[in-house]
PDB file of N, CA and C in Angstrom:
ATOM      1  N   MET A   1       0.842  -1.175   0.000  1.00  0.00           N
ATOM      2  CA  MET A   1       0.000   0.000   0.000  1.00  0.00           C
ATOM      3  C   MET A   1       0.888   1.239   0.000  1.00  0.00           C
ATOM      4  N   LYS A   2       0.728   2.085  -0.993  1.00  0.00           N
ATOM      5  CA  LYS A   2       1.559   3.278  -1.104  1.00  0.00           C
ATOM      6  C   LYS A   2       1.176   4.274  -0.017  1.00  0.00           C
ATOM      7  N   LYS A   3       2.175   4.710   0.738  1.00  0.00           N
ATOM      8  CA  LYS A   3       1.998   5.731   1.765  1.00  0.00           C
ATOM      9  C   LYS A   3       3.073   6.784   1.553  1.00  0.00           C
ATOM     10  N   THR A   4       2.754   8.026   1.851  1.00  0.00           N
ATOM     11  CA  THR A   4       3.702   9.117   1.649  1.00  0.00           C
ATOM     12  C   THR A   4       3.869   9.933   2.929  1.00  0.00           C
ATOM     13  N   ASN A   5       4.868  10.806   2.899  1.00  0.00           N
ATOM     14  CA  ASN A   5       5.158  11.742   3.994  1.00  0.00           C
ATOM     15  C   ASN A   5       5.424  11.051   5.331  1.00  0.00           C
ATOM     16  N   LEU A   6       6.205   9.978   5.273  1.00  0.00           N
ATOM     17  CA  LEU A   6       6.553   9.247   6.485  1.00  0.00           C
ATOM     18  C   LEU A   6       7.809   9.834   7.120  1.00  0.00           C
ATOM     19  N   LYS A   7       7.875   9.784   8.440  1.00  0.00           N
ATOM     20  CA  LYS A   7       9.097  10.110   9.172  1.00  0.00           C
ATOM     21  C   LYS A   7       9.969   8.856   9.196  1.00  0.00           C
ATOM     22  N   VAL A   8      11.224   9.019   9.551  1.00  0.00           N
ATOM     23  CA  VAL A   8      12.169   7.905   9.468  1.00  0.00           C
ATOM     24  C   VAL A   8      11.742   6.722  10.336  1.00  0.00           C
ATOM     25  N   GLY A   9      11.158   6.951  11.498  1.00  0.00           N
ATOM     26  CA  GLY A   9      10.703   5.843  12.338  1.00  0.00           C
ATOM     27  C   GLY A   9       9.660   4.991  11.636  1.00  0.00           C
ATOM     28  N   GLU A  10       8.721   5.659  10.964  1.00  0.00           N
ATOM     29  CA  GLU A  10       7.698   4.937  10.209  1.00  0.00           C
ATOM     30  C   GLU A  10       8.317   4.217   9.022  1.00  0.00           C
ATOM     31  N   ALA A  11       9.297   4.854   8.408  1.00  0.00           N
ATOM     32  CA  ALA A  11       9.990   4.245   7.271  1.00  0.00           C
ATOM     33  C   ALA A  11      10.736   2.987   7.708  1.00  0.00           C
ATOM     34  N   ILE A  12      11.380   3.033   8.855  1.00  0.00           N
ATOM     35  CA  ILE A  12      12.099   1.858   9.358  1.00  0.00           C
ATOM     36  C   ILE A  12      11.131   0.723   9.644  1.00  0.00           C
ATOM     37  N   GLU A  13       9.999   1.033  10.262  1.00  0.00           N
ATOM     38  CA  GLU A  13       8.993  -0.004  10.509  1.00  0.00           C
ATOM     39  C   GLU A  13       8.568  -0.657   9.198  1.00  0.00           C
ATOM     40  N   ALA A  14       8.367   0.155   8.173  1.00  0.00           N
ATOM     41  CA  ALA A  14       7.933  -0.364   6.874  1.00  0.00           C
ATOM     42  C   ALA A  14       9.007  -1.218   6.217  1.00  0.00           C
ATOM     43  N   ILE A  15      10.250  -0.770   6.299  1.00  0.00           N
ATOM     44  CA  ILE A  15      11.326  -1.517   5.647  1.00  0.00           C
ATOM     45  C   ILE A  15      11.527  -2.876   6.315  1.00  0.00           C
ATOM     46  N   VAL A  16      11.346  -2.932   7.626  1.00  0.00           N
ATOM     47  CA  VAL A  16      11.461  -4.200   8.348  1.00  0.00           C
ATOM     48  C   VAL A  16      10.349  -5.160   7.922  1.00  0.00           C
ATOM     49  N   GLN A  17       9.228  -4.623   7.495  1.00  0.00           N
ATOM     50  CA  GLN A  17       8.109  -5.440   7.021  1.00  0.00           C
ATOM     51  C   GLN A  17       8.263  -5.859   5.558  1.00  0.00           C
ATOM     52  N   GLY A  18       9.382  -5.483   4.931  1.00  0.00           N
ATOM     53  CA  GLY A  18       9.660  -5.916   3.564  1.00  0.00           C
ATOM     54  C   GLY A  18       9.245  -4.933   2.481  1.00  0.00           C
ATOM     55  N   GLU A  19       8.911  -3.706   2.859  1.00  0.00           N
ATOM     56  CA  GLU A  19       8.490  -2.708   1.877  1.00  0.00           C
ATOM     57  C   GLU A  19       9.682  -2.099   1.138  1.00  0.00           C
ATOM     58  N   ARG A  20       9.425  -1.601  -0.070  1.00  0.00           N
ATOM     59  CA  ARG A  20      10.397  -0.788  -0.809  1.00  0.00           C
ATOM     60  C   ARG A  20      10.105   0.668  -0.472  1.00  0.00           C
ATOM     61  N   LEU A  21      11.153   1.427  -0.147  1.00  0.00           N
ATOM     62  CA  LEU A  21      10.980   2.826   0.229  1.00  0.00           C
ATOM     63  C   LEU A  21      11.869   3.744  -0.575  1.00  0.00           C
ATOM     64  N   ARG A  22      11.456   4.982  -0.650  1.00  0.00           N
ATOM     65  CA  ARG A  22      12.260   6.038  -1.276  1.00  0.00           C
ATOM     66  C   ARG A  22      11.872   7.344  -0.634  1.00  0.00           C
ATOM     67  N   ARG A  23      12.724   8.335  -0.837  1.00  0.00           N
ATOM     68  CA  ARG A  23      12.397   9.709  -0.462  1.00  0.00           C
ATOM     69  C   ARG A  23      11.768  10.372  -1.672  1.00  0.00           C
ATOM     70  N   SER A  24      10.728  11.152  -1.449  1.00  0.00           N
ATOM     71  CA  SER A  24      10.071  11.818  -2.579  1.00  0.00           C
ATOM     72  C   SER A  24      11.001  12.821  -3.242  1.00  0.00           C
ATOM     73  N   SER A  25      12.018  13.279  -2.533  1.00  0.00           N
ATOM     74  CA  SER A  25      12.969  14.238  -3.096  1.00  0.00           C
ATOM     75  C   SER A  25      14.032  13.582  -3.971  1.00  0.00           C
ATOM     76  N   TRP A  26      14.098  12.242  -3.977  1.00  0.00           N
ATOM     77  CA  TRP A  26      15.058  11.559  -4.834  1.00  0.00           C
ATOM     78  C   TRP A  26      14.639  11.736  -6.286  1.00  0.00           C
ATOM     79  N   PRO A  27      15.609  11.903  -7.179  1.00  0.00           N
ATOM     80  CA  PRO A  27      15.284  12.297  -8.559  1.00  0.00           C
ATOM     81  C   PRO A  27      14.563  11.256  -9.413  1.00  0.00           C
ATOM     82  N   LYS A  28      14.766  10.005  -9.189  1.00  0.00           N
ATOM     83  CA  LYS A  28      14.182   8.969 -10.047  1.00  0.00           C
ATOM     84  C   LYS A  28      13.371   7.995  -9.212  1.00  0.00           C
ATOM     85  N   GLU A  29      12.191   7.635  -9.688  1.00  0.00           N
ATOM     86  CA  GLU A  29      11.369   6.679  -8.946  1.00  0.00           C
ATOM     87  C   GLU A  29      12.014   5.302  -8.887  1.00  0.00           C
ATOM     88  N   ARG A  30      12.888   4.993  -9.822  1.00  0.00           N
ATOM     89  CA  ARG A  30      13.554   3.677  -9.802  1.00  0.00           C
ATOM     90  C   ARG A  30      14.517   3.535  -8.631  1.00  0.00           C
ATOM     91  N   LYS A  31      14.920   4.618  -8.007  1.00  0.00           N
ATOM     92  CA  LYS A  31      15.818   4.547  -6.858  1.00  0.00           C
ATOM     93  C   LYS A  31      14.983   4.248  -5.613  1.00  0.00           C
ATOM     94  N   PHE A  32      15.368   3.189  -4.889  1.00  0.00           N
ATOM     95  CA  PHE A  32      14.661   2.855  -3.658  1.00  0.00           C
ATOM     96  C   PHE A  32      15.583   2.058  -2.750  1.00  0.00           C
ATOM     97  N   ILE A  33      15.151   1.865  -1.514  1.00  0.00           N
ATOM     98  CA  ILE A  33      15.912   1.064  -0.561  1.00  0.00           C
ATOM     99  C   ILE A  33      15.042  -0.092  -0.081  1.00  0.00           C
ATOM    100  N   PHE A  34      15.717  -1.141   0.395  1.00  0.00           N
ATOM    101  CA  PHE A  34      15.031  -2.297   0.966  1.00  0.00           C
ATOM    102  C   PHE A  34      15.957  -2.949   1.982  1.00  0.00           C
ATOM    103  N   GLN A  35      15.380  -3.731   2.880  1.00  0.00           N
ATOM    104  CA  GLN A  35      16.186  -4.494   3.823  1.00  0.00           C
ATOM    105  C   GLN A  35      16.459  -5.851   3.221  1.00  0.00           C
ATOM    106  N   GLN A  36      17.734  -6.215   3.161  1.00  0.00           N
ATOM    107  CA  GLN A  36      18.088  -7.526   2.630  1.00  0.00           C
ATOM    108  C   GLN A  36      17.499  -8.602   3.543  1.00  0.00           C
ATOM    109  N   VAL A  37      16.952  -9.621   2.935  1.00  0.00           N
ATOM    110  CA  VAL A  37      16.399 -10.743   3.690  1.00  0.00           C
ATOM    111  C   VAL A  37      17.554 -11.482   4.354  1.00  0.00           C
ATOM    112  N   PRO A  38      17.479 -11.700   5.665  1.00  0.00           N
ATOM    113  CA  PRO A  38      18.537 -12.477   6.311  1.00  0.00           C
ATOM    114  C   PRO A  38      18.691 -13.827   5.611  1.00  0.00           C
ATOM    115  N   SER A  39      19.937 -14.214   5.361  1.00  0.00           N
ATOM    116  CA  SER A  39      20.199 -15.424   4.586  1.00  0.00           C
ATOM    117  C   SER A  39      21.270 -16.272   5.232  1.00  0.00           C
ATOM    118  N   ASP A  40      21.125 -17.556   5.077  1.00  0.00           N
ATOM    119  CA  ASP A  40      22.098 -18.556   5.496  1.00  0.00           C
ATOM    120  C   ASP A  40      22.593 -19.210   4.208  1.00  0.00           C
ATOM    121  N   ILE A  41      23.858 -18.953   3.854  1.00  0.00           N
ATOM    122  CA  ILE A  41      24.423 -19.478   2.619  1.00  0.00           C
ATOM    123  C   ILE A  41      25.290 -20.694   2.975  1.00  0.00           C
ATOM    124  N   PRO A  42      24.874 -21.905   2.576  1.00  0.00           N
ATOM    125  CA  PRO A  42      25.640 -23.098   2.936  1.00  0.00           C
ATOM    126  C   PRO A  42      27.023 -23.136   2.272  1.00  0.00           C
ATOM    127  N   SER A  43      27.937 -23.813   2.921  1.00  0.00           N
ATOM    128  CA  SER A  43      29.327 -23.858   2.461  1.00  0.00           C
ATOM    129  C   SER A  43      29.453 -24.356   1.022  1.00  0.00           C
ATOM    130  N   ALA A  44      28.595 -25.248   0.582  1.00  0.00           N
ATOM    131  CA  ALA A  44      28.684 -25.782  -0.786  1.00  0.00           C
ATOM    132  C   ALA A  44      28.400 -24.721  -1.847  1.00  0.00           C
ATOM    133  N   VAL A  45      27.679 -23.692  -1.501  1.00  0.00           N
ATOM    134  CA  VAL A  45      27.315 -22.640  -2.461  1.00  0.00           C
ATOM    135  C   VAL A  45      28.437 -21.612  -2.619  1.00  0.00           C
ATOM    136  N   ILE A  46      29.204 -21.403  -1.581  1.00  0.00           N
ATOM    137  CA  ILE A  46      30.182 -20.304  -1.549  1.00  0.00           C
ATOM    138  C   ILE A  46      31.204 -20.354  -2.682  1.00  0.00           C
ATOM    139  N   PRO A  47      31.756 -21.509  -3.072  1.00  0.00           N
ATOM    140  CA  PRO A  47      32.698 -21.510  -4.193  1.00  0.00           C
ATOM    141  C   PRO A  47      32.098 -20.986  -5.502  1.00  0.00           C
ATOM    142  N   LYS A  48      30.779 -21.041  -5.636  1.00  0.00           N
ATOM    143  CA  LYS A  48      30.118 -20.608  -6.857  1.00  0.00           C
ATOM    144  C   LYS A  48      29.694 -19.134  -6.824  1.00  0.00           C
ATOM    145  N   MET A  49      29.860 -18.472  -5.693  1.00  0.00           N
ATOM    146  CA  MET A  49      29.391 -17.085  -5.549  1.00  0.00           C
ATOM    147  C   MET A  49      30.286 -16.120  -6.312  1.00  0.00           C
ATOM    148  N   GLN A  50      29.688 -15.331  -7.160  1.00  0.00           N
ATOM    149  CA  GLN A  50      30.431 -14.320  -7.915  1.00  0.00           C
ATOM    150  C   GLN A  50      30.677 -13.063  -7.087  1.00  0.00           C
ATOM    151  N   SER A  51      29.926 -12.881  -6.022  1.00  0.00           N
ATOM    152  CA  SER A  51      30.010 -11.640  -5.248  1.00  0.00           C
ATOM    153  C   SER A  51      31.115 -11.655  -4.194  1.00  0.00           C
ATOM    154  N   LEU A  52      31.848 -12.750  -4.083  1.00  0.00           N
ATOM    155  CA  LEU A  52      32.935 -12.831  -3.104  1.00  0.00           C
ATOM    156  C   LEU A  52      34.281 -12.985  -3.806  1.00  0.00           C
ATOM    157  N   PRO A  53      35.282 -12.209  -3.394  1.00  0.00           N
ATOM    158  CA  PRO A  53      36.636 -12.410  -3.930  1.00  0.00           C
ATOM    159  C   PRO A  53      37.172 -13.785  -3.509  1.00  0.00           C
ATOM    160  N   GLN A  54      38.089 -14.326  -4.290  1.00  0.00           N
ATOM    161  CA  GLN A  54      38.630 -15.655  -4.016  1.00  0.00           C
ATOM    162  C   GLN A  54      39.263 -15.737  -2.630  1.00  0.00           C
ATOM    163  N   LYS A  55      39.969 -14.712  -2.196  1.00  0.00           N
ATOM    164  CA  LYS A  55      40.613 -14.749  -0.874  1.00  0.00           C
ATOM    165  C   LYS A  55      39.585 -14.826   0.247  1.00  0.00           C
ATOM    166  N   VAL A  56      38.436 -14.206   0.049  1.00  0.00           N
ATOM    167  CA  VAL A  56      37.358 -14.299   1.046  1.00  0.00           C
ATOM    168  C   VAL A  56      36.774 -15.707   1.038  1.00  0.00           C
ATOM    169  N   LYS A  57      36.573 -16.267  -0.141  1.00  0.00           N
ATOM    170  CA  LYS A  57      36.101 -17.652  -0.234  1.00  0.00           C
ATOM    171  C   LYS A  57      37.081 -18.600   0.455  1.00  0.00           C
ATOM    172  N   ASP A  58      38.377 -18.377   0.228  1.00  0.00           N
ATOM    173  CA  ASP A  58      39.404 -19.215   0.853  1.00  0.00           C
ATOM    174  C   ASP A  58      39.338 -19.131   2.370  1.00  0.00           C
ATOM    175  N   PHE A  59      39.124 -17.912   2.893  1.00  0.00           N
ATOM    176  CA  PHE A  59      39.002 -17.734   4.342  1.00  0.00           C
ATOM    177  C   PHE A  59      37.825 -18.536   4.874  1.00  0.00           C
ATOM    178  N   PHE A  60      36.673 -18.383   4.241  1.00  0.00           N
ATOM    179  CA  PHE A  60      35.497 -19.118   4.702  1.00  0.00           C
ATOM    180  C   PHE A  60      35.727 -20.619   4.621  1.00  0.00           C
ATOM    181  N   GLU A  61      36.348 -21.069   3.536  1.00  0.00           N
ATOM    182  CA  GLU A  61      36.625 -22.499   3.381  1.00  0.00           C
ATOM    183  C   GLU A  61      37.471 -23.013   4.550  1.00  0.00           C
ATOM    184  N   SER A  62      38.432 -22.210   4.998  1.00  0.00           N
ATOM    185  CA  SER A  62      39.265 -22.637   6.130  1.00  0.00           C
ATOM    186  C   SER A  62      38.453 -22.735   7.416  1.00  0.00           C
ATOM    187  N   THR A  63      37.465 -21.841   7.591  1.00  0.00           N
ATOM    188  CA  THR A  63      36.630 -21.941   8.796  1.00  0.00           C
ATOM    189  C   THR A  63      35.716 -23.160   8.738  1.00  0.00           C
ATOM    190  N   PHE A  64      35.303 -23.550   7.537  1.00  0.00           N
ATOM    191  CA  PHE A  64      34.446 -24.730   7.406  1.00  0.00           C
ATOM    192  C   PHE A  64      35.215 -26.008   7.738  1.00  0.00           C
ATOM    193  N   LYS A  65      36.514 -26.008   7.449  1.00  0.00           N
ATOM    194  CA  LYS A  65      37.340 -27.199   7.702  1.00  0.00           C
ATOM    195  C   LYS A  65      37.794 -27.293   9.155  1.00  0.00           C
ATOM    196  N   ASP A  66      37.750 -26.195   9.887  1.00  0.00           N
ATOM    197  CA  ASP A  66      38.206 -26.163  11.281  1.00  0.00           C
ATOM    198  C   ASP A  66      37.096 -26.722  12.178  1.00  0.00           C
ATOM    199  N   GLU A  67      37.299 -27.933  12.688  1.00  0.00           N
ATOM    200  CA  GLU A  67      36.275 -28.587  13.502  1.00  0.00           C
ATOM    201  C   GLU A  67      35.977 -27.828  14.784  1.00  0.00           C
ATOM    202  N   SER A  68      36.921 -27.034  15.287  1.00  0.00           N
ATOM    203  CA  SER A  68      36.658 -26.263  16.503  1.00  0.00           C
ATOM    204  C   SER A  68      35.691 -25.103  16.240  1.00  0.00           C
ATOM    205  N   GLU A  69      35.585 -24.682  14.992  1.00  0.00           N
ATOM    206  CA  GLU A  69      34.684 -23.586  14.629  1.00  0.00           C
ATOM    207  C   GLU A  69      33.228 -24.049  14.543  1.00  0.00           C
ATOM    208  N   GLN A  70      33.011 -25.247  14.008  1.00  0.00           N
ATOM    209  CA  GLN A  70      31.678 -25.800  13.789  1.00  0.00           C
ATOM    210  C   GLN A  70      30.777 -24.820  13.030  1.00  0.00           C
ATOM    211  N   ILE A  71      31.329 -24.240  11.971  1.00  0.00           N
ATOM    212  CA  ILE A  71      30.585 -23.319  11.110  1.00  0.00           C
ATOM    213  C   ILE A  71      30.485 -23.968   9.736  1.00  0.00           C
ATOM    214  N   ASP A  72      29.286 -23.959   9.170  1.00  0.00           N
ATOM    215  CA  ASP A  72      29.146 -24.550   7.841  1.00  0.00           C
ATOM    216  C   ASP A  72      28.365 -23.644   6.890  1.00  0.00           C
ATOM    217  N   SER A  73      28.273 -22.374   7.215  1.00  0.00           N
ATOM    218  CA  SER A  73      27.539 -21.419   6.381  1.00  0.00           C
ATOM    219  C   SER A  73      28.116 -20.024   6.589  1.00  0.00           C
ATOM    220  N   ILE A  74      27.716 -19.103   5.706  1.00  0.00           N
ATOM    221  CA  ILE A  74      27.920 -17.676   5.989  1.00  0.00           C
ATOM    222  C   ILE A  74      26.524 -17.068   6.108  1.00  0.00           C
ATOM    223  N   TYR A  75      26.448 -15.940   6.772  1.00  0.00           N
ATOM    224  CA  TYR A  75      25.155 -15.366   7.107  1.00  0.00           C
ATOM    225  C   TYR A  75      25.098 -13.896   6.722  1.00  0.00           C
ATOM    226  N   TYR A  76      23.997 -13.511   6.109  1.00  0.00           N
ATOM    227  CA  TYR A  76      23.722 -12.113   5.820  1.00  0.00           C
ATOM    228  C   TYR A  76      22.583 -11.672   6.729  1.00  0.00           C
ATOM    229  N   THR A  77      22.739 -10.517   7.358  1.00  0.00           N
ATOM    230  CA  THR A  77      21.686  -9.994   8.213  1.00  0.00           C
ATOM    231  C   THR A  77      21.856  -8.497   8.395  1.00  0.00           C
ATOM    232  N   ASP A  78      20.778  -7.824   8.734  1.00  0.00           N
ATOM    233  CA  ASP A  78      20.786  -6.409   9.117  1.00  0.00           C
ATOM    234  C   ASP A  78      21.471  -5.494   8.112  1.00  0.00           C
ATOM    235  N   GLN A  79      21.107  -5.621   6.845  1.00  0.00           N
ATOM    236  CA  GLN A  79      21.661  -4.748   5.816  1.00  0.00           C
ATOM    237  C   GLN A  79      20.530  -4.045   5.081  1.00  0.00           C
ATOM    238  N   ILE A  80      20.739  -2.775   4.799  1.00  0.00           N
ATOM    239  CA  ILE A  80      19.800  -2.033   3.973  1.00  0.00           C
ATOM    240  C   ILE A  80      20.525  -1.719   2.672  1.00  0.00           C
ATOM    241  N   ALA A  81      19.870  -2.054   1.581  1.00  0.00           N
ATOM    242  CA  ALA A  81      20.464  -1.872   0.266  1.00  0.00           C
ATOM    243  C   ALA A  81      19.693  -0.809  -0.510  1.00  0.00           C
ATOM    244  N   GLU A  82      20.405  -0.166  -1.421  1.00  0.00           N
ATOM    245  CA  GLU A  82      19.813   0.842  -2.299  1.00  0.00           C
ATOM    246  C   GLU A  82      19.876   0.333  -3.731  1.00  0.00           C
ATOM    247  N   VAL A  83      18.757   0.419  -4.430  1.00  0.00           N
ATOM    248  CA  VAL A  83      18.706   0.065  -5.839  1.00  0.00           C
ATOM    249  C   VAL A  83      18.697   1.363  -6.628  1.00  0.00           C
ATOM    250  N   GLY A  84      19.671   1.499  -7.520  1.00  0.00           N
ATOM    251  CA  GLY A  84      19.772   2.700  -8.340  1.00  0.00           C
ATOM    252  C   GLY A  84      19.471   2.389  -9.790  1.00  0.00           C
ATOM    253  N   LEU A  85      19.849   3.300 -10.633  1.00  0.00           N
ATOM    254  CA  LEU A  85      19.641   3.108 -12.061  1.00  0.00           C
ATOM    255  C   LEU A  85      20.368   1.858 -12.524  1.00  0.00           C
ATOM    256  N   SER A  86      19.874   1.231 -13.544  1.00  0.00           N
ATOM    257  CA  SER A  86      20.434  -0.007 -14.115  1.00  0.00           C
ATOM    258  C   SER A  86      20.434  -1.155 -13.114  1.00  0.00           C
ATOM    259  N   ASN A  87      19.571  -1.077 -12.093  1.00  0.00           N
ATOM    260  CA  ASN A  87      19.461  -2.116 -11.062  1.00  0.00           C
ATOM    261  C   ASN A  87      20.745  -2.339 -10.274  1.00  0.00           C
ATOM    262  N   LEU A  88      21.587  -1.312 -10.182  1.00  0.00           N
ATOM    263  CA  LEU A  88      22.806  -1.395  -9.381  1.00  0.00           C
ATOM    264  C   LEU A  88      22.425  -1.380  -7.908  1.00  0.00           C
ATOM    265  N   ILE A  89      22.838  -2.406  -7.176  1.00  0.00           N
ATOM    266  CA  ILE A  89      22.530  -2.513  -5.748  1.00  0.00           C
ATOM    267  C   ILE A  89      23.791  -2.203  -4.957  1.00  0.00           C
ATOM    268  N   THR A  90      23.683  -1.227  -4.051  1.00  0.00           N
ATOM    269  CA  THR A  90      24.789  -0.835  -3.181  1.00  0.00           C
ATOM    270  C   THR A  90      24.282  -0.751  -1.745  1.00  0.00           C
ATOM    271  N   ALA A  91      25.201  -0.633  -0.812  1.00  0.00           N
ATOM    272  CA  ALA A  91      24.819  -0.448   0.585  1.00  0.00           C
ATOM    273  C   ALA A  91      24.225   0.942   0.757  1.00  0.00           C
ATOM    274  N   PHE A  92      23.203   1.049   1.578  1.00  0.00           N
ATOM    275  CA  PHE A  92      22.599   2.341   1.874  1.00  0.00           C
ATOM    276  C   PHE A  92      23.043   2.780   3.254  1.00  0.00           C
ATOM    277  N   SER A  93      23.510   4.003   3.331  1.00  0.00           N
ATOM    278  CA  SER A  93      23.881   4.611   4.602  1.00  0.00           C
ATOM    279  C   SER A  93      23.146   5.939   4.690  1.00  0.00           C
ATOM    280  N   ALA A  94      22.234   6.028   5.626  1.00  0.00           N
ATOM    281  CA  ALA A  94      21.403   7.228   5.749  1.00  0.00           C
ATOM    282  C   ALA A  94      22.224   8.438   6.171  1.00  0.00           C
ATOM    283  N   SER A  95      21.938   9.569   5.535  1.00  0.00           N
ATOM    284  CA  SER A  95      22.552  10.841   5.927  1.00  0.00           C
ATOM    285  C   SER A  95      21.712  11.479   7.028  1.00  0.00           C
ATOM    286  N   ILE A  96      22.213  12.533   7.623  1.00  0.00           N
ATOM    287  CA  ILE A  96      21.430  13.279   8.614  1.00  0.00           C
ATOM    288  C   ILE A  96      20.138  13.776   7.965  1.00  0.00           C
ATOM    289  N   SER A  97      20.228  14.242   6.730  1.00  0.00           N
ATOM    290  CA  SER A  97      19.026  14.698   6.017  1.00  0.00           C
ATOM    291  C   SER A  97      18.003  13.571   5.881  1.00  0.00           C
ATOM    292  N   ASP A  98      18.474  12.359   5.579  1.00  0.00           N
ATOM    293  CA  ASP A  98      17.573  11.211   5.470  1.00  0.00           C
ATOM    294  C   ASP A  98      16.900  10.922   6.816  1.00  0.00           C
ATOM    295  N   LEU A  99      17.674  11.004   7.891  1.00  0.00           N
ATOM    296  CA  LEU A  99      17.140  10.681   9.215  1.00  0.00           C
ATOM    297  C   LEU A  99      16.110  11.699   9.698  1.00  0.00           C
ATOM    298  N   LEU A 100      16.263  12.940   9.287  1.00  0.00           N
ATOM    299  CA  LEU A 100      15.345  13.995   9.721  1.00  0.00           C
ATOM    300  C   LEU A 100      14.210  14.251   8.725  1.00  0.00           C
ATOM    301  N   ALA A 101      14.249  13.586   7.606  1.00  0.00           N
ATOM    302  CA  ALA A 101      13.269  13.825   6.538  1.00  0.00           C
ATOM    303  C   ALA A 101      11.872  13.340   6.943  1.00  0.00           C
ATOM    304  N   GLU A 102      10.899  13.980   6.355  1.00  0.00           N
ATOM    305  CA  GLU A 102       9.507  13.580   6.534  1.00  0.00           C
ATOM    306  C   GLU A 102       8.856  13.328   5.175  1.00  0.00           C
ATOM    307  N   ASP A 103       9.692  12.911   4.197  1.00  0.00           N
ATOM    308  CA  ASP A 103       9.180  12.673   2.844  1.00  0.00           C
ATOM    309  C   ASP A 103       9.434  11.243   2.372  1.00  0.00           C
ATOM    310  N   TRP A 104       9.535  10.293   3.306  1.00  0.00           N
ATOM    311  CA  TRP A 104       9.710   8.902   2.931  1.00  0.00           C
ATOM    312  C   TRP A 104       8.392   8.370   2.364  1.00  0.00           C
ATOM    313  N   GLU A 105       8.521   7.476   1.388  1.00  0.00           N
ATOM    314  CA  GLU A 105       7.353   6.893   0.738  1.00  0.00           C
ATOM    315  C   GLU A 105       7.488   5.377   0.664  1.00  0.00           C
ATOM    316  N   ILE A 106       6.390   4.678   0.885  1.00  0.00           N
ATOM    317  CA  ILE A 106       6.321   3.252   0.604  1.00  0.00           C
ATOM    318  C   ILE A 106       5.869   3.150  -0.849  1.00  0.00           C
ATOM    319  N   LEU A 107       6.603   2.401  -1.651  1.00  0.00           N
ATOM    320  CA  LEU A 107       6.321   2.359  -3.088  1.00  0.00           C
ATOM    321  C   LEU A 107       5.180   1.422  -3.483  1.00  0.00           C
ATOM    322  N   ASP A 108       4.990   0.347  -2.806  1.00  0.00           N
ATOM    323  CA  ASP A 108       3.978  -0.628  -3.228  1.00  0.00           C
ATOM    324  C   ASP A 108       2.788  -0.630  -2.283  1.00  0.00           C
TER     325      ASP A 108
END
């Protein structure tokens, strides 16, 4: 449900519920933020991941082999991402202006 003129507290509540949000002052409607779904990525998938450098994969592989670690996955949690033009996804870090804004919108 599209809602407009939200304060940041309301926007955070919405993003936690899985909504896509944007500021009405942002230049393009295609730009929005979302909370990444917490994920458990099993060790077998990690060698195939394009988003991790080889040295990072190697590090994780060493933790999977260390029986004292008892870790067999990597985990994504508590991240807010921004979708920009051309579907480029980057980390979102709110500015002071974003935190004090009252022009947040739920897109759907």
